[in-house]
Protein backbone atom coordinates (compact mmCIF):
# COMPACT_ATOMS: atom_id res chain seq x y z
CA UNK A 1 -57.26 -75.30 -54.82
CA UNK A 2 -58.15 -78.79 -56.03
CA UNK A 3 -60.13 -77.30 -58.89
CA UNK A 4 -57.16 -75.14 -59.92
CA UNK A 5 -54.79 -78.16 -59.91
CA UNK A 6 -57.31 -80.18 -61.94
CA UNK A 7 -57.66 -77.37 -64.49
CA UNK A 8 -53.84 -77.08 -64.80
CA UNK A 9 -53.49 -80.82 -65.33
CA UNK A 10 -56.22 -80.88 -67.97
CA UNK A 11 -54.71 -77.85 -69.72
CA UNK A 12 -51.21 -79.40 -69.67
CA UNK A 13 -52.55 -82.67 -71.06
CA UNK A 14 -54.43 -80.85 -73.82
CA UNK A 15 -51.36 -78.80 -74.77
CA UNK A 16 -49.19 -81.91 -74.90
CA UNK A 17 -51.67 -83.72 -77.13
CA UNK A 18 -51.69 -80.69 -79.43
CA UNK A 19 -47.90 -80.52 -79.56
CA UNK A 20 -47.24 -84.25 -80.00
CA UNK A 21 -49.27 -86.26 -82.49
CA UNK A 22 -49.01 -90.04 -82.69
CA UNK A 23 -49.38 -91.92 -85.97
CA UNK A 24 -49.06 -95.61 -86.70
CA UNK A 25 -47.72 -97.26 -89.84
CA UNK A 26 -47.14 -100.61 -91.45
CA UNK A 27 -44.52 -101.36 -94.07
CA UNK A 28 -43.26 -103.97 -96.50
CA UNK A 29 -39.86 -103.78 -98.10
CA UNK A 30 -37.11 -105.38 -100.17
CA UNK A 31 -33.44 -105.44 -99.30
CA UNK A 32 -29.94 -106.64 -100.01
CA UNK A 33 -27.25 -107.52 -97.43
CA UNK A 34 -23.50 -107.74 -97.99
CA UNK A 35 -22.64 -109.58 -94.79
CA UNK A 36 -19.26 -111.18 -94.21
CA UNK A 37 -19.14 -114.70 -95.67
CA UNK A 38 -15.35 -114.84 -96.13
CA UNK A 39 -14.82 -117.90 -93.95
CA UNK A 40 -17.71 -119.87 -95.47
CA UNK A 41 -16.48 -119.00 -98.96
CA UNK A 42 -12.96 -120.14 -98.00
CA UNK A 43 -14.46 -123.53 -97.15
CA UNK A 44 -16.24 -123.66 -100.52
CA UNK A 45 -13.13 -122.55 -102.44
CA UNK A 46 -10.99 -125.15 -100.62
CA UNK A 47 -13.59 -127.79 -101.57
CA UNK A 48 -13.50 -126.72 -105.23
CA UNK A 49 -9.68 -126.74 -105.33
CA UNK A 50 -9.06 -130.07 -103.58
CA UNK A 51 -11.95 -132.27 -104.70
CA UNK A 52 -10.37 -134.50 -107.34
CA UNK A 53 -13.61 -136.00 -108.73
CA UNK A 54 -15.39 -132.67 -109.12
CA UNK A 55 -17.51 -132.23 -112.26
CA UNK A 56 -19.27 -128.99 -111.41
CA UNK A 57 -17.74 -126.61 -108.82
CA UNK A 58 -19.85 -124.94 -106.16
CA UNK A 59 -20.45 -121.18 -106.40
CA UNK A 60 -19.48 -119.06 -103.41
CA UNK A 61 -22.01 -117.16 -101.29
CA UNK A 62 -22.59 -113.57 -102.36
CA UNK A 63 -25.09 -110.87 -101.36
CA UNK A 64 -28.33 -111.95 -99.69
CA UNK A 65 -31.63 -110.74 -101.12
CA UNK A 66 -34.69 -110.51 -98.91
CA UNK A 67 -37.86 -108.84 -97.68
CA UNK A 68 -39.17 -107.37 -94.44
CA UNK A 69 -42.33 -106.45 -92.57
CA UNK A 70 -42.31 -103.46 -90.19
CA UNK A 71 -44.78 -101.91 -87.79
CA UNK A 72 -44.23 -98.74 -85.77
CA UNK A 73 -45.44 -95.51 -84.23
CA UNK A 74 -44.36 -91.93 -85.00
CA UNK A 75 -44.40 -89.24 -82.30
CA UNK A 76 -44.72 -86.07 -84.35
CA UNK A 77 -43.72 -82.53 -83.39
CA UNK A 78 -43.87 -79.48 -85.63
CA UNK A 79 -40.38 -79.72 -87.15
CA UNK A 80 -39.22 -83.18 -86.13
CA UNK A 81 -40.44 -86.55 -84.90
CA UNK A 82 -39.17 -89.84 -83.51
CA UNK A 83 -40.42 -93.39 -83.80
CA UNK A 84 -40.42 -96.81 -82.21
CA UNK A 85 -40.39 -99.72 -84.65
CA UNK A 86 -40.33 -103.50 -84.72
CA UNK A 87 -39.72 -105.67 -87.75
CA UNK A 88 -39.04 -109.11 -89.17
CA UNK A 89 -36.38 -109.47 -91.87
CA UNK A 90 -35.77 -112.52 -94.03
CA UNK A 91 -32.77 -112.71 -96.38
CA UNK A 92 -32.15 -115.61 -98.73
CA UNK A 93 -29.03 -116.66 -100.64
CA UNK A 94 -30.48 -119.48 -102.72
CA UNK A 95 -29.02 -122.90 -103.37
CA UNK A 96 -25.31 -123.46 -104.12
CA UNK A 97 -24.65 -126.84 -105.75
CA UNK A 98 -21.75 -128.99 -106.92
CA UNK A 99 -21.55 -132.32 -108.75
CA UNK A 100 -18.99 -135.09 -108.24
CA UNK A 101 -18.39 -138.50 -109.80
CA UNK A 102 -17.81 -141.14 -107.12
CA UNK A 103 -17.25 -144.68 -108.42
CA UNK A 104 -19.15 -143.90 -111.60
CA UNK A 105 -22.13 -142.47 -109.66
CA UNK A 106 -22.90 -138.79 -110.08
CA UNK A 107 -23.62 -137.07 -106.75
CA UNK A 108 -24.97 -133.63 -105.96
CA UNK A 109 -24.09 -131.55 -102.92
CA UNK A 110 -26.24 -128.54 -102.01
CA UNK A 111 -25.78 -125.71 -99.54
CA UNK A 112 -28.64 -123.37 -98.64
CA UNK A 113 -28.15 -120.18 -96.61
CA UNK A 114 -30.87 -118.09 -94.95
CA UNK A 115 -30.54 -115.01 -92.79
CA UNK A 116 -33.66 -114.17 -90.72
CA UNK A 117 -33.69 -111.70 -87.85
CA UNK A 118 -36.11 -109.78 -85.62
CA UNK A 119 -35.42 -106.14 -84.78
CA UNK A 120 -36.53 -103.47 -82.30
CA UNK A 121 -35.45 -99.98 -83.35
CA UNK A 122 -35.85 -96.26 -82.75
CA UNK A 123 -35.15 -93.28 -85.02
CA UNK A 124 -35.06 -89.48 -84.90
CA UNK A 125 -36.22 -87.52 -87.97
CA UNK A 126 -35.98 -83.93 -89.19
CA UNK A 127 -38.68 -82.63 -91.50
CA UNK A 128 -36.56 -81.20 -94.30
CA UNK A 129 -39.62 -80.30 -96.38
CA UNK A 130 -43.28 -81.27 -96.82
CA UNK A 131 -42.27 -84.23 -98.94
CA UNK A 132 -38.90 -85.27 -97.48
CA UNK A 133 -37.72 -86.38 -94.03
CA UNK A 134 -34.23 -87.51 -93.07
CA UNK A 135 -33.27 -89.39 -89.94
CA UNK A 136 -31.13 -91.97 -88.27
CA UNK A 137 -31.34 -94.51 -85.52
CA UNK A 138 -30.28 -97.84 -84.15
CA UNK A 139 -31.89 -101.24 -83.70
CA UNK A 140 -31.33 -104.31 -81.57
CA UNK A 141 -31.42 -107.44 -83.73
CA UNK A 142 -31.78 -111.13 -82.93
CA UNK A 143 -31.04 -113.62 -85.71
CA UNK A 144 -28.35 -115.57 -87.49
CA UNK A 145 -27.06 -116.89 -90.79
CA UNK A 146 -28.54 -120.39 -91.05
CA UNK A 147 -26.54 -122.83 -93.22
CA UNK A 148 -28.11 -126.12 -94.40
CA UNK A 149 -26.53 -129.05 -96.25
CA UNK A 150 -27.45 -132.17 -98.22
CA UNK A 151 -25.57 -134.65 -100.44
CA UNK A 152 -27.21 -137.37 -102.54
CA UNK A 153 -27.00 -139.36 -105.80
CA UNK A 154 -28.14 -137.07 -108.60
CA UNK A 155 -30.50 -139.71 -110.03
CA UNK A 156 -32.80 -139.73 -106.96
CA UNK A 157 -35.12 -137.10 -105.51
CA UNK A 158 -33.29 -134.65 -103.22
CA UNK A 159 -33.60 -135.45 -99.50
CA UNK A 160 -34.36 -132.89 -96.81
CA UNK A 161 -31.64 -130.47 -95.74
CA UNK A 162 -29.86 -130.84 -92.43
CA UNK A 163 -28.88 -127.81 -90.34
CA UNK A 164 -25.12 -127.35 -90.20
CA UNK A 165 -24.86 -124.76 -87.42
CA UNK A 166 -28.08 -125.58 -85.49
CA UNK A 167 -29.13 -121.95 -85.87
CA UNK A 168 -32.49 -120.44 -85.01
CA UNK A 169 -33.92 -116.92 -85.00
CA UNK A 170 -32.44 -116.12 -81.59
CA UNK A 171 -29.00 -117.74 -81.93
CA UNK A 172 -27.14 -114.43 -82.25
CA UNK A 173 -27.64 -110.81 -81.30
CA UNK A 174 -26.44 -107.66 -82.97
CA UNK A 175 -27.06 -103.96 -83.51
CA UNK A 176 -28.16 -102.23 -86.70
CA UNK A 177 -27.37 -98.50 -87.00
CA UNK A 178 -29.05 -97.00 -90.05
CA UNK A 179 -29.96 -93.85 -91.95
CA UNK A 180 -33.49 -93.27 -93.24
CA UNK A 181 -34.57 -91.11 -96.17
CA UNK A 182 -38.35 -90.77 -96.39
CA UNK A 183 -40.03 -89.53 -99.56
CA UNK A 184 -43.62 -88.64 -98.66
CA UNK A 185 -45.70 -89.10 -101.79
CA UNK A 186 -48.93 -88.40 -99.89
CA UNK A 187 -50.13 -88.06 -96.30
CA UNK A 188 -50.64 -91.82 -96.13
CA UNK A 189 -47.89 -93.27 -98.35
CA UNK A 190 -44.09 -92.99 -98.05
CA UNK A 191 -41.15 -94.58 -99.87
CA UNK A 192 -38.25 -95.09 -97.47
CA UNK A 193 -34.60 -95.78 -98.42
CA UNK A 194 -32.64 -97.27 -95.51
CA UNK A 195 -28.89 -97.97 -95.72
CA UNK A 196 -27.73 -99.90 -92.65
CA UNK A 197 -24.88 -101.84 -91.08
CA UNK A 198 -25.49 -105.10 -89.22
CA UNK A 199 -22.91 -105.66 -86.46
CA UNK A 200 -23.11 -109.14 -84.94
CA UNK A 201 -22.05 -109.11 -81.29
CA UNK A 202 -21.84 -112.88 -80.85
CA UNK A 203 -19.64 -115.35 -82.76
CA UNK A 204 -20.16 -118.40 -84.96
CA UNK A 205 -17.86 -120.86 -86.70
CA UNK A 206 -17.76 -122.81 -89.97
CA UNK A 207 -16.04 -125.95 -88.70
CA UNK A 208 -19.14 -128.17 -89.07
CA UNK A 209 -19.64 -127.13 -92.70
CA UNK A 210 -15.95 -127.69 -93.39
CA UNK A 211 -16.10 -131.19 -91.87
CA UNK A 212 -18.96 -132.12 -94.22
CA UNK A 213 -17.29 -130.75 -97.35
CA UNK A 214 -13.58 -131.24 -96.68
CA UNK A 215 -13.29 -133.81 -93.89
CA UNK A 216 -10.34 -133.19 -91.59
CA UNK A 217 -8.61 -130.77 -94.01
CA UNK A 218 -9.13 -127.07 -93.35
CA UNK A 219 -8.39 -123.82 -95.24
CA UNK A 220 -7.54 -121.98 -91.98
CA UNK A 221 -9.10 -120.60 -88.83
CA UNK A 222 -12.88 -121.05 -89.04
CA UNK A 223 -13.74 -119.97 -85.50
CA UNK A 224 -14.86 -116.59 -84.13
CA UNK A 225 -16.82 -115.56 -87.23
CA UNK A 226 -19.08 -112.53 -87.10
CA UNK A 227 -21.57 -112.27 -89.96
CA UNK A 228 -21.49 -108.46 -90.05
CA UNK A 229 -21.82 -106.14 -93.03
CA UNK A 230 -23.68 -103.32 -94.77
CA UNK A 231 -26.95 -103.42 -96.68
CA UNK A 232 -29.89 -101.36 -97.83
CA UNK A 233 -33.66 -101.74 -97.62
CA UNK A 234 -36.31 -100.05 -99.75
CA UNK A 235 -39.60 -99.86 -97.86
CA UNK A 236 -43.15 -98.84 -98.67
CA UNK A 237 -44.86 -97.29 -95.63
CA UNK A 238 -48.61 -96.99 -95.17
CA UNK A 239 -49.68 -94.60 -92.43
CA UNK A 240 -52.72 -96.03 -90.70
CA UNK A 241 -54.18 -92.97 -88.95
CA UNK A 242 -52.68 -89.99 -90.77
CA UNK A 243 -54.69 -86.80 -91.11
CA UNK A 244 -56.01 -86.52 -94.63
């Protein structure tokens, strides 16, 4: 009886390994995010409109460009597969600057915005053809929009930035539902288009930035901000143990 049970277990294990194949992959990608920066831009616009000694106005914050690194595992069946994936995303807005003339001295004010986050995600895919897979999934993200500030006489070397919102990689949490369109150019290389939506579950505010730029004046309610919004990533996947 023990021999029969052992044979059944070995047979079941062998059949499962034949039905489900595991592959690993690494990926690098580029992306663009259109997250909500309405409140921050209202602070900048209020600054531009009310600063009487302004020489050069400050540009508002637009889309964030960035890159990402992903690593994951595919669990492959005959007509479909699913994956588990982790990744690091870094989005960058660049420097926004203004110039003022205070008592005959030209001064520069800079704002720098960065948007890093770490994600754990899972997806389900259908093999539409030998060269194309389509799927969707959801991720759990930890990160935040980090805003930094500095103001200095234009004639001297710029000082270091100071953090406005004391943000770090784990300041906020959110979810990232996405669609994935995989174009399999070979058994080891895939181009992946990934439209997504980042939904921040926690809240931030822009009151500290407003105090630095506008003092006690305010353009409106700057509390309870969620930096949510859509975006898209274009990734290049390299399968590490695919069958050639």
